[in-house]
Amino acid sequence: MSREKILSIEALAAERADLRRRGRTIVFTNGCFDLLHPGHVRYLEQARALGDVLVVALNSDRAVRQLKGPSRPILLEDERAEVMAALASVTFVTIFDDVSPLDTITAILPDVLVKGGDWGVDAIIGRDVVEAAGGQVLSLPFVDGVSTSDIVSRIRDASPAP
């Protein structure tokens, strides 16, 4: 059932048109979301509280490698999408094959664009597009002490040496 929440960008744009006709507020965020952790869960719940629908756009595996290095992602894009779609706070998931989410944001044109607190509002990609359309751009509080990189380090530290 949660896999039904995973849509192509084109299908999501069509869904967005229907949601707009029904007066729904669309919140959008994007990222790698490589290993889901409590910081992600809290962030996504806060994002969903800003509107009726939360769209999460995931970087493709190729884009994650470009952003994070050759050892990432840990979970493949289809796996990350399925885990993300299983969350109650997430309405739709899409995968985009670019380092920048600008084309995806332009196609979806959300009412609210959010990123985590490690992004200042001025640095959020797509801000100009969303604000020009009358939307809002927010940086939500960052959850300290929890990151995918920290989790990966803990796993590596716990592994026995070869």
C-alpha atoms as a PDB file:
ATOM      1  CA  MET A   1       0.000   0.000   0.000  1.00  0.00           C
ATOM      2  CA  SER A   2       2.775   2.477   0.842  1.00  0.00           C
ATOM      3  CA  ARG A   3       4.382   1.835  -2.561  1.00  0.00           C
ATOM      4  CA  GLU A   4       1.314   3.496  -4.112  1.00  0.00           C
ATOM      5  CA  LYS A   5       2.610   6.744  -2.598  1.00  0.00           C
ATOM      6  CA  ILE A   6       5.705   6.591  -4.848  1.00  0.00           C
ATOM      7  CA  LEU A   7       5.051   8.584  -8.022  1.00  0.00           C
ATOM      8  CA  SER A   8       7.041   9.819 -10.981  1.00  0.00           C
ATOM      9  CA  ILE A   9       7.591  13.565 -11.134  1.00  0.00           C
ATOM     10  CA  GLU A  10       5.097  13.766 -14.009  1.00  0.00           C
ATOM     11  CA  ALA A  11       2.403  11.855 -12.082  1.00  0.00           C
ATOM     12  CA  LEU A  12       3.089  13.989  -9.036  1.00  0.00           C
ATOM     13  CA  ALA A  13       2.663  17.202 -11.056  1.00  0.00           C
ATOM     14  CA  ALA A  14      -0.737  15.930 -12.240  1.00  0.00           C
ATOM     15  CA  GLU A  15      -1.668  15.026  -8.655  1.00  0.00           C
ATOM     16  CA  ARG A  16      -0.587  18.490  -7.544  1.00  0.00           C
ATOM     17  CA  ALA A  17      -3.048  20.083  -9.988  1.00  0.00           C
ATOM     18  CA  ASP A  18      -5.894  18.061  -8.461  1.00  0.00           C
ATOM     19  CA  LEU A  19      -4.777  18.886  -4.908  1.00  0.00           C
ATOM     20  CA  ARG A  20      -4.686  22.595  -5.761  1.00  0.00           C
ATOM     21  CA  ARG A  21      -8.235  22.438  -7.158  1.00  0.00           C
ATOM     22  CA  ARG A  22      -9.295  20.944  -3.824  1.00  0.00           C
ATOM     23  CA  GLY A  23      -7.565  23.747  -1.888  1.00  0.00           C
ATOM     24  CA  ARG A  24      -4.876  21.550  -0.312  1.00  0.00           C
ATOM     25  CA  THR A  25      -1.607  23.063   0.909  1.00  0.00           C
ATOM     26  CA  ILE A  26       1.387  21.207  -0.528  1.00  0.00           C
ATOM     27  CA  VAL A  27       4.618  21.035   1.472  1.00  0.00           C
ATOM     28  CA  PHE A  28       7.779  19.878  -0.292  1.00  0.00           C
ATOM     29  CA  THR A  29      11.170  18.748   0.931  1.00  0.00           C
ATOM     30  CA  ASN A  30      14.022  16.879  -0.636  1.00  0.00           C
ATOM     31  CA  GLY A  31      17.200  15.068   0.256  1.00  0.00           C
ATOM     32  CA  CYS A  32      19.112  11.815   0.253  1.00  0.00           C
ATOM     33  CA  PHE A  33      17.449  10.332   3.361  1.00  0.00           C
ATOM     34  CA  ASP A  34      19.938   7.483   3.116  1.00  0.00           C
ATOM     35  CA  LEU A  35      19.378   5.914   6.545  1.00  0.00           C
ATOM     36  CA  LEU A  36      16.182   7.075   8.168  1.00  0.00           C
ATOM     37  CA  HIS A  37      16.760   8.193  11.770  1.00  0.00           C
ATOM     38  CA  PRO A  38      14.860  10.069  14.508  1.00  0.00           C
ATOM     39  CA  GLY A  39      16.073  13.438  13.234  1.00  0.00           C
ATOM     40  CA  HIS A  40      14.488  12.710   9.855  1.00  0.00           C
ATOM     41  CA  VAL A  41      11.260  11.488  11.443  1.00  0.00           C
ATOM     42  CA  ARG A  42      10.901  14.622  13.604  1.00  0.00           C
ATOM     43  CA  TYR A  43      11.737  16.876  10.683  1.00  0.00           C
ATOM     44  CA  LEU A  44       9.180  15.184   8.399  1.00  0.00           C
ATOM     45  CA  GLU A  45       6.475  15.397  11.072  1.00  0.00           C
ATOM     46  CA  GLN A  46       7.174  19.126  11.491  1.00  0.00           C
ATOM     47  CA  ALA A  47       7.077  19.602   7.728  1.00  0.00           C
ATOM     48  CA  ARG A  48       3.745  17.778   7.397  1.00  0.00           C
ATOM     49  CA  ALA A  49       2.241  19.986  10.119  1.00  0.00           C
ATOM     50  CA  LEU A  50       2.752  22.964   7.773  1.00  0.00           C
ATOM     51  CA  GLY A  51       0.191  21.728   5.242  1.00  0.00           C
ATOM     52  CA  ASP A  52      -2.193  19.037   4.077  1.00  0.00           C
ATOM     53  CA  VAL A  53       0.193  17.080   1.863  1.00  0.00           C
ATOM     54  CA  LEU A  54       3.905  16.333   2.274  1.00  0.00           C
ATOM     55  CA  VAL A  55       5.908  15.502  -0.844  1.00  0.00           C
ATOM     56  CA  VAL A  56       9.397  14.094  -0.308  1.00  0.00           C
ATOM     57  CA  ALA A  57      11.753  14.094  -3.287  1.00  0.00           C
ATOM     58  CA  LEU A  58      14.692  11.712  -2.962  1.00  0.00           C
ATOM     59  CA  ASN A  59      17.990  12.097  -4.771  1.00  0.00           C
ATOM     60  CA  SER A  60      18.677   9.153  -7.081  1.00  0.00           C
ATOM     61  CA  ASP A  61      21.513   6.764  -6.262  1.00  0.00           C
ATOM     62  CA  ARG A  62      23.695   8.466  -8.876  1.00  0.00           C
ATOM     63  CA  ALA A  63      23.058  11.881  -7.339  1.00  0.00           C
ATOM     64  CA  VAL A  64      23.711  10.612  -3.803  1.00  0.00           C
ATOM     65  CA  ARG A  65      27.100   9.219  -4.924  1.00  0.00           C
ATOM     66  CA  GLN A  66      27.906  12.590  -6.459  1.00  0.00           C
ATOM     67  CA  LEU A  67      26.901  14.422  -3.270  1.00  0.00           C
ATOM     68  CA  LYS A  68      28.166  12.011  -0.593  1.00  0.00           C
ATOM     69  CA  GLY A  69      30.901   9.961  -2.239  1.00  0.00           C
ATOM     70  CA  PRO A  70      31.322   6.466  -3.694  1.00  0.00           C
ATOM     71  CA  SER A  71      30.361   4.592  -0.508  1.00  0.00           C
ATOM     72  CA  ARG A  72      26.862   6.065  -0.505  1.00  0.00           C
ATOM     73  CA  PRO A  73      23.990   5.513  -0.675  1.00  0.00           C
ATOM     74  CA  ILE A  74      23.715   2.681   1.784  1.00  0.00           C
ATOM     75  CA  LEU A  75      20.104   1.976   0.845  1.00  0.00           C
ATOM     76  CA  LEU A  76      19.246   2.049  -2.862  1.00  0.00           C
ATOM     77  CA  GLU A  77      16.763   4.598  -4.177  1.00  0.00           C
ATOM     78  CA  ASP A  78      13.865   2.132  -4.425  1.00  0.00           C
ATOM     79  CA  GLU A  79      14.530   0.978  -0.846  1.00  0.00           C
ATOM     80  CA  ARG A  80      14.763   4.559   0.426  1.00  0.00           C
ATOM     81  CA  ALA A  81      11.528   5.434  -1.381  1.00  0.00           C
ATOM     82  CA  GLU A  82       9.678   2.466   0.120  1.00  0.00           C
ATOM     83  CA  VAL A  83      10.830   3.271   3.668  1.00  0.00           C
ATOM     84  CA  MET A  84       9.929   6.941   3.208  1.00  0.00           C
ATOM     85  CA  ALA A  85       6.496   6.085   1.788  1.00  0.00           C
ATOM     86  CA  ALA A  86       5.751   3.926   4.844  1.00  0.00           C
ATOM     87  CA  LEU A  87       5.799   6.978   7.125  1.00  0.00           C
ATOM     88  CA  ALA A  88       2.391   8.350   8.086  1.00  0.00           C
ATOM     89  CA  SER A  89       3.621  11.940   7.747  1.00  0.00           C
ATOM     90  CA  VAL A  90       4.605  11.446   4.089  1.00  0.00           C
ATOM     91  CA  THR A  91       1.893  11.701   1.436  1.00  0.00           C
ATOM     92  CA  PHE A  92       3.955  11.189  -1.720  1.00  0.00           C
ATOM     93  CA  VAL A  93       7.524  10.263  -2.628  1.00  0.00           C
ATOM     94  CA  THR A  94       9.336  10.855  -5.882  1.00  0.00           C
ATOM     95  CA  ILE A  95      12.915  10.249  -7.032  1.00  0.00           C
ATOM     96  CA  PHE A  96      14.843  12.838  -9.012  1.00  0.00           C
ATOM     97  CA  ASP A  97      18.067  12.170 -10.872  1.00  0.00           C
ATOM     98  CA  ASP A  98      19.943  15.374 -10.204  1.00  0.00           C
ATOM     99  CA  VAL A  99      22.098  16.917  -7.512  1.00  0.00           C
ATOM    100  CA  SER A 100      19.871  19.992  -7.534  1.00  0.00           C
ATOM    101  CA  PRO A 101      16.137  19.721  -6.845  1.00  0.00           C
ATOM    102  CA  LEU A 102      15.352  22.893  -8.825  1.00  0.00           C
ATOM    103  CA  ASP A 103      13.667  21.207 -11.803  1.00  0.00           C
ATOM    104  CA  THR A 104      11.589  19.015  -9.477  1.00  0.00           C
ATOM    105  CA  ILE A 105      10.551  21.989  -7.331  1.00  0.00           C
ATOM    106  CA  THR A 106       9.623  23.920 -10.473  1.00  0.00           C
ATOM    107  CA  ALA A 107       7.512  20.998 -11.731  1.00  0.00           C
ATOM    108  CA  ILE A 108       5.710  20.522  -8.388  1.00  0.00           C
ATOM    109  CA  LEU A 109       5.607  24.208  -7.361  1.00  0.00           C
ATOM    110  CA  PRO A 110       4.715  23.625  -3.704  1.00  0.00           C
ATOM    111  CA  ASP A 111       2.989  26.100  -1.413  1.00  0.00           C
ATOM    112  CA  VAL A 112       5.649  25.529   1.233  1.00  0.00           C
ATOM    113  CA  LEU A 113       9.276  24.509   0.616  1.00  0.00           C
ATOM    114  CA  VAL A 114      11.200  23.282   3.659  1.00  0.00           C
ATOM    115  CA  LYS A 115      14.713  22.117   4.456  1.00  0.00           C
ATOM    116  CA  GLY A 116      16.449  21.210   7.695  1.00  0.00           C
ATOM    117  CA  GLY A 117      18.155  23.762   9.897  1.00  0.00           C
ATOM    118  CA  ASP A 118      21.532  23.021   8.369  1.00  0.00           C
ATOM    119  CA  TRP A 119      20.218  25.077   5.418  1.00  0.00           C
ATOM    120  CA  GLY A 120      19.733  28.829   5.808  1.00  0.00           C
ATOM    121  CA  VAL A 121      16.622  30.121   4.036  1.00  0.00           C
ATOM    122  CA  ASP A 122      18.765  32.152   1.621  1.00  0.00           C
ATOM    123  CA  ALA A 123      20.639  28.995   0.563  1.00  0.00           C
ATOM    124  CA  ILE A 124      17.563  26.824  -0.084  1.00  0.00           C
ATOM    125  CA  ILE A 125      17.453  25.823  -3.740  1.00  0.00           C
ATOM    126  CA  GLY A 126      14.129  26.742  -5.327  1.00  0.00           C
ATOM    127  CA  ARG A 127      13.413  29.580  -2.930  1.00  0.00           C
ATOM    128  CA  ASP A 128      13.071  32.144  -5.707  1.00  0.00           C
ATOM    129  CA  VAL A 129      10.659  29.953  -7.710  1.00  0.00           C
ATOM    130  CA  VAL A 130       8.411  29.178  -4.726  1.00  0.00           C
ATOM    131  CA  GLU A 131       8.359  32.733  -3.394  1.00  0.00           C
ATOM    132  CA  ALA A 132       7.669  34.159  -6.881  1.00  0.00           C
ATOM    133  CA  ALA A 133       4.570  31.945  -6.996  1.00  0.00           C
ATOM    134  CA  GLY A 134       3.425  33.258  -3.591  1.00  0.00           C
ATOM    135  CA  GLY A 135       4.735  30.311  -1.584  1.00  0.00           C
ATOM    136  CA  GLN A 136       6.684  30.172   1.641  1.00  0.00           C
ATOM    137  CA  VAL A 137      10.219  28.861   2.261  1.00  0.00           C
ATOM    138  CA  LEU A 138      11.290  27.674   5.711  1.00  0.00           C
ATOM    139  CA  SER A 139      14.303  26.178   7.429  1.00  0.00           C
ATOM    140  CA  LEU A 140      13.133  23.845  10.202  1.00  0.00           C
ATOM    141  CA  PRO A 141      15.154  23.237  13.379  1.00  0.00           C
ATOM    142  CA  PHE A 142      18.022  20.796  13.036  1.00  0.00           C
ATOM    143  CA  VAL A 143      18.105  17.835  15.425  1.00  0.00           C
ATOM    144  CA  ASP A 144      21.592  17.821  16.952  1.00  0.00           C
ATOM    145  CA  GLY A 145      23.513  14.612  17.478  1.00  0.00           C
ATOM    146  CA  VAL A 146      21.722  12.507  14.881  1.00  0.00           C
ATOM    147  CA  SER A 147      22.904  12.184  11.297  1.00  0.00           C
ATOM    148  CA  THR A 148      23.382   9.458   8.743  1.00  0.00           C
ATOM    149  CA  SER A 149      27.129  10.111   8.766  1.00  0.00           C
ATOM    150  CA  ASP A 150      27.187   9.618  12.567  1.00  0.00           C
ATOM    151  CA  ILE A 151      25.291   6.337  12.216  1.00  0.00           C
ATOM    152  CA  VAL A 152      27.691   5.118   9.525  1.00  0.00           C
ATOM    153  CA  SER A 153      30.645   5.989  11.786  1.00  0.00           C
ATOM    154  CA  ARG A 154      29.105   4.094  14.703  1.00  0.00           C
ATOM    155  CA  ILE A 155      28.598   1.031  12.491  1.00  0.00           C
ATOM    156  CA  ARG A 156      32.178   1.194  11.222  1.00  0.00           C
ATOM    157  CA  ASP A 157      33.527   1.620  14.777  1.00  0.00           C
ATOM    158  CA  ALA A 158      31.562  -1.441  15.921  1.00  0.00           C
ATOM    159  CA  SER A 159      32.829  -3.631  13.071  1.00  0.00           C
ATOM    160  CA  PRO A 160      35.739  -5.937  13.853  1.00  0.00           C
ATOM    161  CA  ALA A 161      38.977  -5.117  12.105  1.00  0.00           C
ATOM    162  CA  PRO A 162      39.882  -7.415   9.186  1.00  0.00           C
END
